[in-house]
Amino acid sequence: AWWNFGSLLGLCLMTQIITGLFLAMHYTADTTLAFASVAHICRDVQYGWLIRNIHANGASMFFICLYLHIGRGLYYGSYLFKETWNTGVILLLLT
């Protein structure tokens, strides 16, 4: 379980993308209509409340996994493998 945080990061990211796309289909980015569109998602869209909660909690889960993944890498000295560590740093900057 301690070595699976990289895979969990990928799973969290894919979940965020998929739920974000579903939410974007019903969201209105207008200051007067934004709250009403969120209420519409939660009340009228089938399982919209669930998709919104998965998306909101998924963001927190992503950062928890990210920090645990980085912490594990620092603890075990993974930064000594320069190519692998630099790839991870680039991915961190992209997220």
N, C-alpha and C. Protein backbone atom coordinates (compact mmCIF):
# COMPACT_ATOMS: atom_id res chain seq x y z
N ALA A 1 0.82 -1.19 0.00
CA ALA A 1 0.00 0.00 0.00
C ALA A 1 0.86 1.25 0.00
N TRP A 2 2.02 1.18 0.61
CA TRP A 2 2.89 2.34 0.72
C TRP A 2 3.46 2.74 -0.63
N TRP A 3 3.52 1.81 -1.59
CA TRP A 3 4.13 2.09 -2.88
C TRP A 3 3.11 2.39 -3.96
N ASN A 4 1.84 2.47 -3.62
CA ASN A 4 0.79 2.62 -4.62
C ASN A 4 0.32 4.06 -4.82
N PHE A 5 0.95 5.03 -4.19
CA PHE A 5 0.45 6.40 -4.27
C PHE A 5 0.58 6.98 -5.67
N GLY A 6 1.57 6.56 -6.43
CA GLY A 6 1.69 7.02 -7.82
C GLY A 6 0.51 6.56 -8.65
N SER A 7 0.12 5.32 -8.50
CA SER A 7 -1.05 4.80 -9.22
C SER A 7 -2.33 5.47 -8.73
N LEU A 8 -2.42 5.71 -7.43
CA LEU A 8 -3.60 6.41 -6.90
C LEU A 8 -3.68 7.83 -7.42
N LEU A 9 -2.53 8.47 -7.64
CA LEU A 9 -2.53 9.81 -8.23
C LEU A 9 -3.13 9.77 -9.63
N GLY A 10 -2.75 8.79 -10.43
CA GLY A 10 -3.32 8.65 -11.76
C GLY A 10 -4.81 8.39 -11.72
N LEU A 11 -5.24 7.55 -10.80
CA LEU A 11 -6.67 7.26 -10.65
C LEU A 11 -7.43 8.51 -10.22
N CYS A 12 -6.89 9.25 -9.26
CA CYS A 12 -7.54 10.49 -8.81
C CYS A 12 -7.62 11.50 -9.94
N LEU A 13 -6.55 11.62 -10.72
CA LEU A 13 -6.55 12.58 -11.82
C LEU A 13 -7.58 12.22 -12.88
N MET A 14 -7.68 10.95 -13.22
CA MET A 14 -8.67 10.53 -14.21
C MET A 14 -10.09 10.74 -13.68
N THR A 15 -10.31 10.48 -12.40
CA THR A 15 -11.62 10.72 -11.79
C THR A 15 -11.96 12.20 -11.84
N GLN A 16 -10.99 13.05 -11.55
CA GLN A 16 -11.22 14.49 -11.58
C GLN A 16 -11.57 14.96 -12.99
N ILE A 17 -10.88 14.43 -13.98
CA ILE A 17 -11.15 14.83 -15.36
C ILE A 17 -12.54 14.39 -15.79
N ILE A 18 -12.89 13.15 -15.50
CA ILE A 18 -14.19 12.62 -15.92
C ILE A 18 -15.33 13.34 -15.21
N THR A 19 -15.25 13.47 -13.89
CA THR A 19 -16.32 14.15 -13.17
C THR A 19 -16.36 15.64 -13.53
N GLY A 20 -15.21 16.24 -13.77
CA GLY A 20 -15.17 17.64 -14.18
C GLY A 20 -15.85 17.87 -15.52
N LEU A 21 -15.67 16.93 -16.44
CA LEU A 21 -16.35 17.05 -17.74
C LEU A 21 -17.86 16.92 -17.58
N PHE A 22 -18.31 15.99 -16.76
CA PHE A 22 -19.75 15.86 -16.52
C PHE A 22 -20.32 17.11 -15.86
N LEU A 23 -19.59 17.67 -14.91
CA LEU A 23 -20.07 18.88 -14.24
C LEU A 23 -20.07 20.07 -15.20
N ALA A 24 -19.08 20.14 -16.07
CA ALA A 24 -18.99 21.26 -17.01
C ALA A 24 -20.14 21.27 -18.00
N MET A 25 -20.75 20.12 -18.24
CA MET A 25 -21.89 20.06 -19.16
C MET A 25 -23.09 20.82 -18.63
N HIS A 26 -23.19 20.98 -17.31
CA HIS A 26 -24.37 21.60 -16.71
C HIS A 26 -24.06 22.91 -15.99
N TYR A 27 -22.79 23.27 -15.88
CA TYR A 27 -22.41 24.46 -15.12
C TYR A 27 -22.49 25.70 -15.99
N THR A 28 -22.92 26.81 -15.41
CA THR A 28 -22.97 28.09 -16.10
C THR A 28 -22.00 29.04 -15.40
N ALA A 29 -21.01 29.51 -16.13
CA ALA A 29 -19.97 30.37 -15.54
C ALA A 29 -20.37 31.84 -15.66
N ASP A 30 -21.44 32.19 -14.99
CA ASP A 30 -21.92 33.57 -14.96
C ASP A 30 -22.18 33.91 -13.49
N THR A 31 -21.82 35.13 -13.09
CA THR A 31 -21.94 35.48 -11.68
C THR A 31 -23.38 35.43 -11.19
N THR A 32 -24.33 35.67 -12.06
CA THR A 32 -25.72 35.66 -11.62
C THR A 32 -26.35 34.27 -11.70
N LEU A 33 -25.76 33.38 -12.48
CA LEU A 33 -26.37 32.06 -12.69
C LEU A 33 -25.55 30.90 -12.11
N ALA A 34 -24.36 31.17 -11.59
CA ALA A 34 -23.48 30.09 -11.13
C ALA A 34 -24.11 29.29 -9.99
N PHE A 35 -24.62 29.97 -8.98
CA PHE A 35 -25.21 29.26 -7.85
C PHE A 35 -26.43 28.45 -8.29
N ALA A 36 -27.23 29.02 -9.16
CA ALA A 36 -28.41 28.31 -9.66
C ALA A 36 -28.01 27.07 -10.46
N SER A 37 -26.90 27.16 -11.20
CA SER A 37 -26.47 26.00 -11.97
C SER A 37 -25.95 24.90 -11.06
N VAL A 38 -25.28 25.26 -9.96
CA VAL A 38 -24.83 24.25 -9.00
C VAL A 38 -26.02 23.61 -8.32
N ALA A 39 -27.01 24.42 -7.96
CA ALA A 39 -28.24 23.87 -7.37
C ALA A 39 -28.94 22.95 -8.36
N HIS A 40 -28.94 23.33 -9.64
CA HIS A 40 -29.53 22.48 -10.68
C HIS A 40 -28.80 21.15 -10.78
N ILE A 41 -27.47 21.19 -10.72
CA ILE A 41 -26.69 19.95 -10.78
C ILE A 41 -27.03 19.05 -9.61
N CYS A 42 -27.12 19.62 -8.42
CA CYS A 42 -27.36 18.81 -7.21
C CYS A 42 -28.79 18.29 -7.13
N ARG A 43 -29.74 19.04 -7.66
CA ARG A 43 -31.15 18.67 -7.47
C ARG A 43 -31.78 17.99 -8.68
N ASP A 44 -31.44 18.44 -9.88
CA ASP A 44 -32.17 18.00 -11.06
C ASP A 44 -31.42 16.98 -11.91
N VAL A 45 -30.10 17.08 -11.96
CA VAL A 45 -29.31 16.15 -12.76
C VAL A 45 -29.24 14.82 -12.03
N GLN A 46 -29.48 13.74 -12.76
CA GLN A 46 -29.46 12.42 -12.14
C GLN A 46 -28.06 12.11 -11.60
N TYR A 47 -27.98 11.83 -10.32
CA TYR A 47 -26.73 11.59 -9.59
C TYR A 47 -25.77 12.78 -9.67
N GLY A 48 -26.29 13.96 -9.92
CA GLY A 48 -25.44 15.16 -9.97
C GLY A 48 -24.81 15.47 -8.63
N TRP A 49 -25.58 15.25 -7.56
CA TRP A 49 -25.04 15.48 -6.21
C TRP A 49 -23.86 14.57 -5.94
N LEU A 50 -23.94 13.33 -6.43
CA LEU A 50 -22.86 12.37 -6.20
C LEU A 50 -21.62 12.75 -7.02
N ILE A 51 -21.83 13.13 -8.27
CA ILE A 51 -20.71 13.52 -9.12
C ILE A 51 -20.01 14.75 -8.55
N ARG A 52 -20.80 15.70 -8.06
CA ARG A 52 -20.21 16.92 -7.48
C ARG A 52 -19.41 16.58 -6.22
N ASN A 53 -19.93 15.73 -5.37
CA ASN A 53 -19.20 15.35 -4.15
C ASN A 53 -17.95 14.54 -4.45
N ILE A 54 -18.03 13.65 -5.44
CA ILE A 54 -16.84 12.90 -5.84
C ILE A 54 -15.78 13.86 -6.36
N HIS A 55 -16.20 14.84 -7.14
CA HIS A 55 -15.25 15.82 -7.69
C HIS A 55 -14.63 16.67 -6.59
N ALA A 56 -15.43 17.11 -5.63
CA ALA A 56 -14.93 17.95 -4.55
C ALA A 56 -13.98 17.18 -3.64
N ASN A 57 -14.36 15.98 -3.25
CA ASN A 57 -13.50 15.17 -2.38
C ASN A 57 -12.31 14.60 -3.13
N GLY A 58 -12.46 14.40 -4.43
CA GLY A 58 -11.36 13.89 -5.23
C GLY A 58 -10.18 14.86 -5.28
N ALA A 59 -10.48 16.16 -5.25
CA ALA A 59 -9.40 17.15 -5.24
C ALA A 59 -8.58 17.03 -3.96
N SER A 60 -9.24 16.87 -2.84
CA SER A 60 -8.53 16.70 -1.57
C SER A 60 -7.74 15.40 -1.56
N MET A 61 -8.35 14.33 -2.07
CA MET A 61 -7.67 13.04 -2.11
C MET A 61 -6.44 13.10 -3.02
N PHE A 62 -6.54 13.84 -4.11
CA PHE A 62 -5.40 13.99 -5.02
C PHE A 62 -4.21 14.61 -4.30
N PHE A 63 -4.45 15.68 -3.56
CA PHE A 63 -3.35 16.34 -2.88
C PHE A 63 -2.82 15.52 -1.71
N ILE A 64 -3.68 14.78 -1.03
CA ILE A 64 -3.20 13.89 0.03
C ILE A 64 -2.26 12.84 -0.56
N CYS A 65 -2.68 12.22 -1.66
CA CYS A 65 -1.83 11.21 -2.31
C CYS A 65 -0.54 11.84 -2.84
N LEU A 66 -0.64 13.06 -3.36
CA LEU A 66 0.53 13.75 -3.89
C LEU A 66 1.57 13.99 -2.80
N TYR A 67 1.13 14.52 -1.67
CA TYR A 67 2.07 14.81 -0.59
C TYR A 67 2.63 13.52 0.02
N LEU A 68 1.82 12.48 0.15
CA LEU A 68 2.33 11.21 0.65
C LEU A 68 3.34 10.59 -0.32
N HIS A 69 3.08 10.72 -1.61
CA HIS A 69 3.97 10.19 -2.63
C HIS A 69 5.32 10.92 -2.58
N ILE A 70 5.28 12.24 -2.47
CA ILE A 70 6.52 13.02 -2.38
C ILE A 70 7.25 12.69 -1.07
N GLY A 71 6.51 12.61 0.02
CA GLY A 71 7.11 12.29 1.31
C GLY A 71 7.78 10.93 1.32
N ARG A 72 7.14 9.95 0.71
CA ARG A 72 7.74 8.62 0.62
C ARG A 72 9.03 8.67 -0.19
N GLY A 73 8.99 9.43 -1.29
CA GLY A 73 10.19 9.56 -2.12
C GLY A 73 11.34 10.23 -1.38
N LEU A 74 11.03 11.24 -0.59
CA LEU A 74 12.07 11.90 0.20
C LEU A 74 12.60 10.99 1.30
N TYR A 75 11.71 10.27 1.95
CA TYR A 75 12.10 9.40 3.05
C TYR A 75 13.03 8.27 2.58
N TYR A 76 12.71 7.68 1.44
CA TYR A 76 13.49 6.56 0.94
C TYR A 76 14.64 6.98 0.03
N GLY A 77 14.86 8.27 -0.14
CA GLY A 77 16.00 8.73 -0.94
C GLY A 77 15.83 8.53 -2.42
N SER A 78 14.62 8.59 -2.91
CA SER A 78 14.38 8.40 -4.34
C SER A 78 14.96 9.53 -5.18
N TYR A 79 15.28 10.66 -4.55
CA TYR A 79 15.87 11.79 -5.26
C TYR A 79 17.28 11.48 -5.76
N LEU A 80 17.86 10.39 -5.30
CA LEU A 80 19.19 10.00 -5.77
C LEU A 80 19.14 9.47 -7.20
N PHE A 81 17.99 8.99 -7.64
CA PHE A 81 17.81 8.56 -9.03
C PHE A 81 17.34 9.77 -9.83
N LYS A 82 18.30 10.50 -10.40
CA LYS A 82 18.03 11.83 -10.95
C LYS A 82 16.98 11.84 -12.05
N GLU A 83 17.06 10.91 -13.00
CA GLU A 83 16.12 10.93 -14.12
C GLU A 83 14.69 10.71 -13.65
N THR A 84 14.51 9.73 -12.79
CA THR A 84 13.18 9.43 -12.28
C THR A 84 12.65 10.58 -11.43
N TRP A 85 13.51 11.14 -10.59
CA TRP A 85 13.09 12.24 -9.72
C TRP A 85 12.74 13.48 -10.55
N ASN A 86 13.56 13.78 -11.58
CA ASN A 86 13.28 14.94 -12.43
C ASN A 86 11.98 14.77 -13.21
N THR A 87 11.68 13.55 -13.62
CA THR A 87 10.40 13.29 -14.27
C THR A 87 9.25 13.57 -13.30
N GLY A 88 9.40 13.16 -12.06
CA GLY A 88 8.38 13.44 -11.05
C GLY A 88 8.22 14.92 -10.79
N VAL A 89 9.32 15.66 -10.76
CA VAL A 89 9.25 17.11 -10.54
C VAL A 89 8.54 17.78 -11.71
N ILE A 90 8.81 17.35 -12.92
CA ILE A 90 8.12 17.91 -14.09
C ILE A 90 6.63 17.62 -14.01
N LEU A 91 6.26 16.40 -13.64
CA LEU A 91 4.84 16.07 -13.48
C LEU A 91 4.20 16.89 -12.36
N LEU A 92 4.93 17.14 -11.29
CA LEU A 92 4.42 17.97 -10.20
C LEU A 92 4.14 19.38 -10.69
N LEU A 93 5.04 19.93 -11.49
CA LEU A 93 4.84 21.28 -12.01
C LEU A 93 3.68 21.34 -13.01
N LEU A 94 3.42 20.24 -13.69
CA LEU A 94 2.30 20.21 -14.65
C LEU A 94 0.95 20.09 -13.98
N THR A 95 0.90 19.57 -12.75
CA THR A 95 -0.39 19.41 -12.08
C THR A 95 -0.72 20.59 -11.31
